[in-house]
Amino acid sequence: MQKCHDLKTDSEVFQAVISGEKTWEIRYDDRGFKVGDMVQLRETKYSGSEMRGTSEMMGKPLQYTGGSILADITYILRGPVYGLADGWAIMTIKPLV
């Protein structure tokens, strides 16, 4: 059964997908990603590091810009292989236009 995975995406990375420069996603493989599934990339106002904050400062809140793109997962490479850690996956994606 095909799933659609809702994923937060930093603005810089989101824009690279929109422009066609970035055709892949690297993610912790905790969602059961499969070839043929879809990802809904949702652009965040703040980066992941800004939201995490530091020990001295509270992180920024999760806020979305409203930008999103739907893409098919066309290939998956799972770690541990080629320097990719166990539990992580690199997926090629094809945006649906």
PDB file of N, CA and C in Angstrom:
ATOM      1  N   MET A   1       0.839  -1.184   0.000  1.00  0.00           N
ATOM      2  CA  MET A   1       0.000   0.000   0.000  1.00  0.00           C
ATOM      3  C   MET A   1       0.888   1.253   0.000  1.00  0.00           C
ATOM      4  N   GLN A   2       0.618   2.155  -0.893  1.00  0.00           N
ATOM      5  CA  GLN A   2       1.380   3.395  -1.015  1.00  0.00           C
ATOM      6  C   GLN A   2       1.066   4.336   0.140  1.00  0.00           C
ATOM      7  N   LYS A   3       2.126   4.921   0.703  1.00  0.00           N
ATOM      8  CA  LYS A   3       1.968   5.892   1.788  1.00  0.00           C
ATOM      9  C   LYS A   3       2.437   7.256   1.310  1.00  0.00           C
ATOM     10  N   CYS A   4       1.990   8.282   2.017  1.00  0.00           N
ATOM     11  CA  CYS A   4       2.502   9.631   1.808  1.00  0.00           C
ATOM     12  C   CYS A   4       3.105  10.083   3.139  1.00  0.00           C
ATOM     13  N   HIS A   5       4.409  10.347   3.134  1.00  0.00           N
ATOM     14  CA  HIS A   5       5.143  10.735   4.326  1.00  0.00           C
ATOM     15  C   HIS A   5       5.260  12.260   4.378  1.00  0.00           C
ATOM     16  N   ASP A   6       4.776  12.868   5.439  1.00  0.00           N
ATOM     17  CA  ASP A   6       4.810  14.313   5.633  1.00  0.00           C
ATOM     18  C   ASP A   6       6.139  14.676   6.302  1.00  0.00           C
ATOM     19  N   LEU A   7       6.976  15.459   5.627  1.00  0.00           N
ATOM     20  CA  LEU A   7       8.317  15.755   6.111  1.00  0.00           C
ATOM     21  C   LEU A   7       8.577  17.254   6.212  1.00  0.00           C
ATOM     22  N   LYS A   8       9.125  17.677   7.346  1.00  0.00           N
ATOM     23  CA  LYS A   8       9.568  19.065   7.505  1.00  0.00           C
ATOM     24  C   LYS A   8      10.847  19.245   6.697  1.00  0.00           C
ATOM     25  N   THR A   9      11.017  20.414   6.054  1.00  0.00           N
ATOM     26  CA  THR A   9      12.183  20.658   5.221  1.00  0.00           C
ATOM     27  C   THR A   9      12.651  22.103   5.386  1.00  0.00           C
ATOM     28  N   ASP A  10      13.940  22.258   5.702  1.00  0.00           N
ATOM     29  CA  ASP A  10      14.528  23.595   5.812  1.00  0.00           C
ATOM     30  C   ASP A  10      14.332  24.352   4.499  1.00  0.00           C
ATOM     31  N   SER A  11      14.182  25.662   4.578  1.00  0.00           N
ATOM     32  CA  SER A  11      13.906  26.492   3.411  1.00  0.00           C
ATOM     33  C   SER A  11      14.969  26.362   2.316  1.00  0.00           C
ATOM     34  N   GLU A  12      16.236  26.388   2.701  1.00  0.00           N
ATOM     35  CA  GLU A  12      17.320  26.304   1.706  1.00  0.00           C
ATOM     36  C   GLU A  12      17.234  24.992   0.920  1.00  0.00           C
ATOM     37  N   VAL A  13      16.991  23.897   1.621  1.00  0.00           N
ATOM     38  CA  VAL A  13      16.881  22.585   0.985  1.00  0.00           C
ATOM     39  C   VAL A  13      15.603  22.504   0.144  1.00  0.00           C
ATOM     40  N   PHE A  14      14.512  23.030   0.657  1.00  0.00           N
ATOM     41  CA  PHE A  14      13.238  23.042  -0.064  1.00  0.00           C
ATOM     42  C   PHE A  14      13.389  23.773  -1.399  1.00  0.00           C
ATOM     43  N   GLN A  15      14.035  24.931  -1.376  1.00  0.00           N
ATOM     44  CA  GLN A  15      14.228  25.709  -2.599  1.00  0.00           C
ATOM     45  C   GLN A  15      15.076  24.956  -3.620  1.00  0.00           C
ATOM     46  N   ALA A  16      16.052  24.173  -3.153  1.00  0.00           N
ATOM     47  CA  ALA A  16      16.880  23.372  -4.066  1.00  0.00           C
ATOM     48  C   ALA A  16      16.055  22.271  -4.733  1.00  0.00           C
ATOM     49  N   VAL A  17      15.078  21.717  -4.043  1.00  0.00           N
ATOM     50  CA  VAL A  17      14.177  20.730  -4.646  1.00  0.00           C
ATOM     51  C   VAL A  17      13.287  21.411  -5.677  1.00  0.00           C
ATOM     52  N   ILE A  18      12.723  22.563  -5.323  1.00  0.00           N
ATOM     53  CA  ILE A  18      11.850  23.314  -6.237  1.00  0.00           C
ATOM     54  C   ILE A  18      12.586  23.663  -7.532  1.00  0.00           C
ATOM     55  N   SER A  19      13.853  24.069  -7.415  1.00  0.00           N
ATOM     56  CA  SER A  19      14.625  24.473  -8.599  1.00  0.00           C
ATOM     57  C   SER A  19      15.096  23.286  -9.435  1.00  0.00           C
ATOM     58  N   GLY A  20      15.010  22.071  -8.864  1.00  0.00           N
ATOM     59  CA  GLY A  20      15.470  20.882  -9.586  1.00  0.00           C
ATOM     60  C   GLY A  20      16.916  20.524  -9.312  1.00  0.00           C
ATOM     61  N   GLU A  21      17.620  21.336  -8.511  1.00  0.00           N
ATOM     62  CA  GLU A  21      19.017  21.049  -8.177  1.00  0.00           C
ATOM     63  C   GLU A  21      19.157  19.825  -7.284  1.00  0.00           C
ATOM     64  N   LYS A  22      18.212  19.613  -6.404  1.00  0.00           N
ATOM     65  CA  LYS A  22      18.271  18.516  -5.431  1.00  0.00           C
ATOM     66  C   LYS A  22      17.192  17.505  -5.785  1.00  0.00           C
ATOM     67  N   THR A  23      17.622  16.271  -6.055  1.00  0.00           N
ATOM     68  CA  THR A  23      16.699  15.223  -6.484  1.00  0.00           C
ATOM     69  C   THR A  23      16.681  14.046  -5.508  1.00  0.00           C
ATOM     70  N   TRP A  24      17.094  14.300  -4.287  1.00  0.00           N
ATOM     71  CA  TRP A  24      17.199  13.235  -3.288  1.00  0.00           C
ATOM     72  C   TRP A  24      16.859  13.772  -1.901  1.00  0.00           C
ATOM     73  N   GLU A  25      16.578  12.846  -1.002  1.00  0.00           N
ATOM     74  CA  GLU A  25      16.362  13.149   0.413  1.00  0.00           C
ATOM     75  C   GLU A  25      17.190  12.169   1.224  1.00  0.00           C
ATOM     76  N   ILE A  26      17.818  12.642   2.280  1.00  0.00           N
ATOM     77  CA  ILE A  26      18.479  11.762   3.240  1.00  0.00           C
ATOM     78  C   ILE A  26      17.705  11.904   4.543  1.00  0.00           C
ATOM     79  N   ARG A  27      17.261  10.785   5.083  1.00  0.00           N
ATOM     80  CA  ARG A  27      16.399  10.807   6.255  1.00  0.00           C
ATOM     81  C   ARG A  27      16.709   9.618   7.155  1.00  0.00           C
ATOM     82  N   TYR A  28      16.436   9.815   8.450  1.00  0.00           N
ATOM     83  CA  TYR A  28      16.470   8.684   9.357  1.00  0.00           C
ATOM     84  C   TYR A  28      15.350   7.750   8.908  1.00  0.00           C
ATOM     85  N   ASP A  29      15.658   6.477   8.804  1.00  0.00           N
ATOM     86  CA  ASP A  29      14.747   5.500   8.195  1.00  0.00           C
ATOM     87  C   ASP A  29      13.806   4.898   9.245  1.00  0.00           C
ATOM     88  N   ASP A  30      12.961   5.741   9.824  1.00  0.00           N
ATOM     89  CA  ASP A  30      12.056   5.291  10.880  1.00  0.00           C
ATOM     90  C   ASP A  30      10.589   5.274  10.451  1.00  0.00           C
ATOM     91  N   ARG A  31      10.325   5.466   9.171  1.00  0.00           N
ATOM     92  CA  ARG A  31       8.935   5.567   8.700  1.00  0.00           C
ATOM     93  C   ARG A  31       8.527   4.449   7.757  1.00  0.00           C
ATOM     94  N   GLY A  32       9.432   3.528   7.490  1.00  0.00           N
ATOM     95  CA  GLY A  32       9.096   2.455   6.557  1.00  0.00           C
ATOM     96  C   GLY A  32       8.997   2.939   5.122  1.00  0.00           C
ATOM     97  N   PHE A  33       9.888   3.850   4.730  1.00  0.00           N
ATOM     98  CA  PHE A  33       9.898   4.360   3.356  1.00  0.00           C
ATOM     99  C   PHE A  33      10.002   3.205   2.363  1.00  0.00           C
ATOM    100  N   LYS A  34       9.247   3.309   1.258  1.00  0.00           N
ATOM    101  CA  LYS A  34       9.298   2.307   0.195  1.00  0.00           C
ATOM    102  C   LYS A  34       9.271   3.006  -1.155  1.00  0.00           C
ATOM    103  N   VAL A  35       9.930   2.373  -2.142  1.00  0.00           N
ATOM    104  CA  VAL A  35       9.831   2.858  -3.515  1.00  0.00           C
ATOM    105  C   VAL A  35       8.357   2.833  -3.895  1.00  0.00           C
ATOM    106  N   GLY A  36       7.883   3.916  -4.502  1.00  0.00           N
ATOM    107  CA  GLY A  36       6.475   4.046  -4.873  1.00  0.00           C
ATOM    108  C   GLY A  36       5.676   4.876  -3.880  1.00  0.00           C
ATOM    109  N   ASP A  37       6.211   5.022  -2.643  1.00  0.00           N
ATOM    110  CA  ASP A  37       5.576   5.936  -1.687  1.00  0.00           C
ATOM    111  C   ASP A  37       5.807   7.367  -2.143  1.00  0.00           C
ATOM    112  N   MET A  38       5.113   8.295  -1.514  1.00  0.00           N
ATOM    113  CA  MET A  38       5.298   9.712  -1.805  1.00  0.00           C
ATOM    114  C   MET A  38       5.794  10.424  -0.554  1.00  0.00           C
ATOM    115  N   VAL A  39       6.465  11.548  -0.780  1.00  0.00           N
ATOM    116  CA  VAL A  39       6.838  12.437   0.320  1.00  0.00           C
ATOM    117  C   VAL A  39       6.203  13.794   0.056  1.00  0.00           C
ATOM    118  N   GLN A  40       5.658  14.361   1.109  1.00  0.00           N
ATOM    119  CA  GLN A  40       5.136  15.728   1.063  1.00  0.00           C
ATOM    120  C   GLN A  40       6.162  16.564   1.812  1.00  0.00           C
ATOM    121  N   LEU A  41       6.960  17.332   1.088  1.00  0.00           N
ATOM    122  CA  LEU A  41       7.972  18.189   1.708  1.00  0.00           C
ATOM    123  C   LEU A  41       7.323  19.514   2.046  1.00  0.00           C
ATOM    124  N   ARG A  42       7.391  19.899   3.319  1.00  0.00           N
ATOM    125  CA  ARG A  42       6.769  21.141   3.785  1.00  0.00           C
ATOM    126  C   ARG A  42       7.864  22.077   4.279  1.00  0.00           C
ATOM    127  N   GLU A  43       7.957  23.236   3.636  1.00  0.00           N
ATOM    128  CA  GLU A  43       9.000  24.214   3.955  1.00  0.00           C
ATOM    129  C   GLU A  43       8.758  24.836   5.332  1.00  0.00           C
ATOM    130  N   THR A  44       9.819  24.847   6.147  1.00  0.00           N
ATOM    131  CA  THR A  44       9.729  25.458   7.475  1.00  0.00           C
ATOM    132  C   THR A  44      10.319  26.861   7.469  1.00  0.00           C
ATOM    133  N   LYS A  45       9.785  27.700   8.338  1.00  0.00           N
ATOM    134  CA  LYS A  45      10.274  29.077   8.459  1.00  0.00           C
ATOM    135  C   LYS A  45      11.685  29.092   9.053  1.00  0.00           C
ATOM    136  N   TYR A  46      11.919  28.236  10.046  1.00  0.00           N
ATOM    137  CA  TYR A  46      13.223  28.168  10.705  1.00  0.00           C
ATOM    138  C   TYR A  46      13.885  26.831  10.387  1.00  0.00           C
ATOM    139  N   SER A  47      15.207  26.821  10.375  1.00  0.00           N
ATOM    140  CA  SER A  47      15.950  25.590  10.102  1.00  0.00           C
ATOM    141  C   SER A  47      15.861  24.647  11.305  1.00  0.00           C
ATOM    142  N   GLY A  48      16.214  23.415  11.072  1.00  0.00           N
ATOM    143  CA  GLY A  48      16.224  22.434  12.152  1.00  0.00           C
ATOM    144  C   GLY A  48      17.138  22.855  13.287  1.00  0.00           C
ATOM    145  N   SER A  49      18.303  23.402  12.954  1.00  0.00           N
ATOM    146  CA  SER A  49      19.230  23.835  14.007  1.00  0.00           C
ATOM    147  C   SER A  49      18.671  25.026  14.787  1.00  0.00           C
ATOM    148  N   GLU A  50      17.955  25.923  14.119  1.00  0.00           N
ATOM    149  CA  GLU A  50      17.328  27.047  14.823  1.00  0.00           C
ATOM    150  C   GLU A  50      16.218  26.553  15.766  1.00  0.00           C
ATOM    151  N   MET A  51      15.496  25.525  15.346  1.00  0.00           N
ATOM    152  CA  MET A  51      14.416  24.997  16.177  1.00  0.00           C
ATOM    153  C   MET A  51      14.956  24.212  17.373  1.00  0.00           C
ATOM    154  N   ARG A  52      16.107  23.564  17.196  1.00  0.00           N
ATOM    155  CA  ARG A  52      16.707  22.823  18.315  1.00  0.00           C
ATOM    156  C   ARG A  52      17.227  23.764  19.383  1.00  0.00           C
ATOM    157  N   GLY A  53      17.764  24.922  18.981  1.00  0.00           N
ATOM    158  CA  GLY A  53      18.311  25.879  19.939  1.00  0.00           C
ATOM    159  C   GLY A  53      19.631  25.387  20.512  1.00  0.00           C
ATOM    160  N   THR A  54      20.038  25.982  21.602  1.00  0.00           N
ATOM    161  CA  THR A  54      21.273  25.602  22.287  1.00  0.00           C
ATOM    162  C   THR A  54      20.962  25.423  23.764  1.00  0.00           C
ATOM    163  N   SER A  55      21.955  24.987  24.490  1.00  0.00           N
ATOM    164  CA  SER A  55      21.728  24.804  25.933  1.00  0.00           C
ATOM    165  C   SER A  55      21.453  26.152  26.607  1.00  0.00           C
ATOM    166  N   GLU A  56      21.936  27.247  26.006  1.00  0.00           N
ATOM    167  CA  GLU A  56      21.720  28.577  26.583  1.00  0.00           C
ATOM    168  C   GLU A  56      20.427  29.231  26.097  1.00  0.00           C
ATOM    169  N   MET A  57      19.939  28.801  24.929  1.00  0.00           N
ATOM    170  CA  MET A  57      18.808  29.482  24.317  1.00  0.00           C
ATOM    171  C   MET A  57      17.739  28.491  23.860  1.00  0.00           C
ATOM    172  N   MET A  58      16.489  28.835  24.096  1.00  0.00           N
ATOM    173  CA  MET A  58      15.391  27.998  23.638  1.00  0.00           C
ATOM    174  C   MET A  58      15.287  28.092  22.117  1.00  0.00           C
ATOM    175  N   GLY A  59      14.939  26.976  21.483  1.00  0.00           N
ATOM    176  CA  GLY A  59      14.814  26.960  20.038  1.00  0.00           C
ATOM    177  C   GLY A  59      13.592  27.709  19.531  1.00  0.00           C
ATOM    178  N   LYS A  60      13.628  28.030  18.237  1.00  0.00           N
ATOM    179  CA  LYS A  60      12.499  28.694  17.576  1.00  0.00           C
ATOM    180  C   LYS A  60      11.341  27.704  17.427  1.00  0.00           C
ATOM    181  N   PRO A  61      10.112  28.194  17.295  1.00  0.00           N
ATOM    182  CA  PRO A  61       8.963  27.294  17.151  1.00  0.00           C
ATOM    183  C   PRO A  61       8.879  26.716  15.735  1.00  0.00           C
ATOM    184  N   LEU A  62       8.250  25.554  15.628  1.00  0.00           N
ATOM    185  CA  LEU A  62       7.984  24.970  14.319  1.00  0.00           C
ATOM    186  C   LEU A  62       6.897  25.791  13.652  1.00  0.00           C
ATOM    187  N   GLN A  63       7.238  26.418  12.526  1.00  0.00           N
ATOM    188  CA  GLN A  63       6.277  27.175  11.725  1.00  0.00           C
ATOM    189  C   GLN A  63       6.527  26.837  10.266  1.00  0.00           C
ATOM    190  N   TYR A  64       5.456  26.661   9.527  1.00  0.00           N
ATOM    191  CA  TYR A  64       5.562  26.372   8.096  1.00  0.00           C
ATOM    192  C   TYR A  64       5.329  27.651   7.298  1.00  0.00           C
ATOM    193  N   THR A  65       5.981  27.737   6.134  1.00  0.00           N
ATOM    194  CA  THR A  65       5.814  28.906   5.267  1.00  0.00           C
ATOM    195  C   THR A  65       4.575  28.781   4.390  1.00  0.00           C
ATOM    196  N   GLY A  66       4.079  27.569   4.234  1.00  0.00           N
ATOM    197  CA  GLY A  66       2.975  27.308   3.305  1.00  0.00           C
ATOM    198  C   GLY A  66       3.468  26.669   2.021  1.00  0.00           C
ATOM    199  N   GLY A  67       4.780  26.689   1.801  1.00  0.00           N
ATOM    200  CA  GLY A  67       5.353  26.039   0.625  1.00  0.00           C
ATOM    201  C   GLY A  67       5.386  24.527   0.821  1.00  0.00           C
ATOM    202  N   SER A  68       4.965  23.785  -0.195  1.00  0.00           N
ATOM    203  CA  SER A  68       5.039  22.327  -0.120  1.00  0.00           C
ATOM    204  C   SER A  68       5.161  21.761  -1.526  1.00  0.00           C
ATOM    205  N   ILE A  69       5.704  20.556  -1.583  1.00  0.00           N
ATOM    206  CA  ILE A  69       5.828  19.860  -2.862  1.00  0.00           C
ATOM    207  C   ILE A  69       5.640  18.371  -2.609  1.00  0.00           C
ATOM    208  N   LEU A  70       4.942  17.727  -3.514  1.00  0.00           N
ATOM    209  CA  LEU A  70       4.693  16.300  -3.438  1.00  0.00           C
ATOM    210  C   LEU A  70       5.636  15.607  -4.420  1.00  0.00           C
ATOM    211  N   ALA A  71       6.284  14.519  -3.972  1.00  0.00           N
ATOM    212  CA  ALA A  71       7.229  13.815  -4.836  1.00  0.00           C
ATOM    213  C   ALA A  71       7.128  12.310  -4.619  1.00  0.00           C
ATOM    214  N   ASP A  72       7.389  11.552  -5.681  1.00  0.00           N
ATOM    215  CA  ASP A  72       7.455  10.089  -5.613  1.00  0.00           C
ATOM    216  C   ASP A  72       8.850   9.669  -5.172  1.00  0.00           C
ATOM    217  N   ILE A  73       8.930   8.624  -4.369  1.00  0.00           N
ATOM    218  CA  ILE A  73      10.213   7.991  -4.042  1.00  0.00           C
ATOM    219  C   ILE A  73      10.491   6.979  -5.150  1.00  0.00           C
ATOM    220  N   THR A  74      11.623   7.160  -5.857  1.00  0.00           N
ATOM    221  CA  THR A  74      11.926   6.289  -6.994  1.00  0.00           C
ATOM    222  C   THR A  74      13.052   5.291  -6.723  1.00  0.00           C
ATOM    223  N   TYR A  75      13.859   5.520  -5.680  1.00  0.00           N
ATOM    224  CA  TYR A  75      14.957   4.611  -5.330  1.00  0.00           C
ATOM    225  C   TYR A  75      15.342   4.867  -3.885  1.00  0.00           C
ATOM    226  N   ILE A  76      15.759   3.815  -3.187  1.00  0.00           N
ATOM    227  CA  ILE A  76      16.198   3.954  -1.795  1.00  0.00           C
ATOM    228  C   ILE A  76      17.501   3.193  -1.593  1.00  0.00           C
ATOM    229  N   LEU A  77      18.467   3.843  -0.967  1.00  0.00           N
ATOM    230  CA  LEU A  77      19.715   3.210  -0.553  1.00  0.00           C
ATOM    231  C   LEU A  77      19.763   3.314   0.964  1.00  0.00           C
ATOM    232  N   ARG A  78      19.849   2.173   1.633  1.00  0.00           N
ATOM    233  CA  ARG A  78      19.834   2.144   3.100  1.00  0.00           C
ATOM    234  C   ARG A  78      21.213   1.818   3.651  1.00  0.00           C
ATOM    235  N   GLY A  79      21.549   2.473   4.776  1.00  0.00           N
ATOM    236  CA  GLY A  79      22.803   2.199   5.452  1.00  0.00           C
ATOM    237  C   GLY A  79      22.708   0.893   6.228  1.00  0.00           C
ATOM    238  N   PRO A  80      23.836   0.329   6.632  1.00  0.00           N
ATOM    239  CA  PRO A  80      25.176   0.891   6.531  1.00  0.00           C
ATOM    240  C   PRO A  80      25.857   0.493   5.217  1.00  0.00           C
ATOM    241  N   VAL A  81      26.136   1.493   4.410  1.00  0.00           N
ATOM    242  CA  VAL A  81      26.856   1.283   3.154  1.00  0.00           C
ATOM    243  C   VAL A  81      27.396   2.628   2.683  1.00  0.00           C
ATOM    244  N   TYR A  82      28.577   2.638   2.086  1.00  0.00           N
ATOM    245  CA  TYR A  82      29.175   3.847   1.492  1.00  0.00           C
ATOM    246  C   TYR A  82      29.213   5.051   2.435  1.00  0.00           C
ATOM    247  N   GLY A  83      29.429   4.811   3.714  1.00  0.00           N
ATOM    248  CA  GLY A  83      29.491   5.905   4.675  1.00  0.00           C
ATOM    249  C   GLY A  83      28.145   6.328   5.237  1.00  0.00           C
ATOM    250  N   LEU A  84      27.082   5.750   4.735  1.00  0.00           N
ATOM    251  CA  LEU A  84      25.744   6.041   5.243  1.00  0.00           C
ATOM    252  C   LEU A  84      25.518   5.183   6.492  1.00  0.00           C
ATOM    253  N   ALA A  85      25.214   5.820   7.608  1.00  0.00           N
ATOM    254  CA  ALA A  85      25.070   5.107   8.881  1.00  0.00           C
ATOM    255  C   ALA A  85      23.864   4.170   8.878  1.00  0.00           C
ATOM    256  N   ASP A  86      23.967   3.134   9.673  1.00  0.00           N
ATOM    257  CA  ASP A  86      22.855   2.209   9.873  1.00  0.00           C
ATOM    258  C   ASP A  86      21.647   2.993  10.376  1.00  0.00           C
ATOM    259  N   GLY A  87      20.484   2.705   9.835  1.00  0.00           N
ATOM    260  CA  GLY A  87      19.263   3.389  10.256  1.00  0.00           C
ATOM    261  C   GLY A  87      18.934   4.610   9.414  1.00  0.00           C
ATOM    262  N   TRP A  88      19.783   4.955   8.458  1.00  0.00           N
ATOM    263  CA  TRP A  88      19.551   6.105   7.584  1.00  0.00           C
ATOM    264  C   TRP A  88      19.342   5.641   6.150  1.00  0.00           C
ATOM    265  N   ALA A  89      18.656   6.473   5.352  1.00  0.00           N
ATOM    266  CA  ALA A  89      18.378   6.144   3.958  1.00  0.00           C
ATOM    267  C   ALA A  89      18.533   7.386   3.085  1.00  0.00           C
ATOM    268  N   ILE A  90      19.026   7.165   1.886  1.00  0.00           N
ATOM    269  CA  ILE A  90      19.027   8.199   0.849  1.00  0.00           C
ATOM    270  C   ILE A  90      18.012   7.748  -0.191  1.00  0.00           C
ATOM    271  N   MET A  91      17.095   8.650  -0.534  1.00  0.00           N
ATOM    272  CA  MET A  91      16.034   8.320  -1.483  1.00  0.00           C
ATOM    273  C   MET A  91      16.080   9.298  -2.653  1.00  0.00           C
ATOM    274  N   THR A  92      16.006   8.781  -3.855  1.00  0.00           N
ATOM    275  CA  THR A  92      15.819   9.690  -4.981  1.00  0.00           C
ATOM    276  C   THR A  92      14.323   9.982  -5.070  1.00  0.00           C
ATOM    277  N   ILE A  93      14.034  11.232  -5.410  1.00  0.00           N
ATOM    278  CA  ILE A  93      12.632  11.673  -5.477  1.00  0.00           C
ATOM    279  C   ILE A  93      12.370  12.345  -6.824  1.00  0.00           C
ATOM    280  N   LYS A  94      11.139  12.234  -7.256  1.00  0.00           N
ATOM    281  CA  LYS A  94      10.699  12.871  -8.494  1.00  0.00           C
ATOM    282  C   LYS A  94       9.463  13.695  -8.185  1.00  0.00           C
ATOM    283  N   PRO A  95       9.616  15.040  -8.176  1.00  0.00           N
ATOM    284  CA  PRO A  95       8.459  15.901  -7.876  1.00  0.00           C
ATOM    285  C   PRO A  95       7.317  15.680  -8.862  1.00  0.00           C
ATOM    286  N   LEU A  96       6.093  15.725  -8.340  1.00  0.00           N
ATOM    287  CA  LEU A  96       4.900  15.632  -9.188  1.00  0.00           C
ATOM    288  C   LEU A  96       4.512  17.045  -9.550  1.00  0.00           C
ATOM    289  N   VAL A  97       4.464  17.338 -10.797  1.00  0.00           N
ATOM    290  CA  VAL A  97       4.207  18.700 -11.249  1.00  0.00           C
ATOM    291  C   VAL A  97       2.766  18.874 -11.641  1.00  0.00           C
TER     292      VAL A  97
END
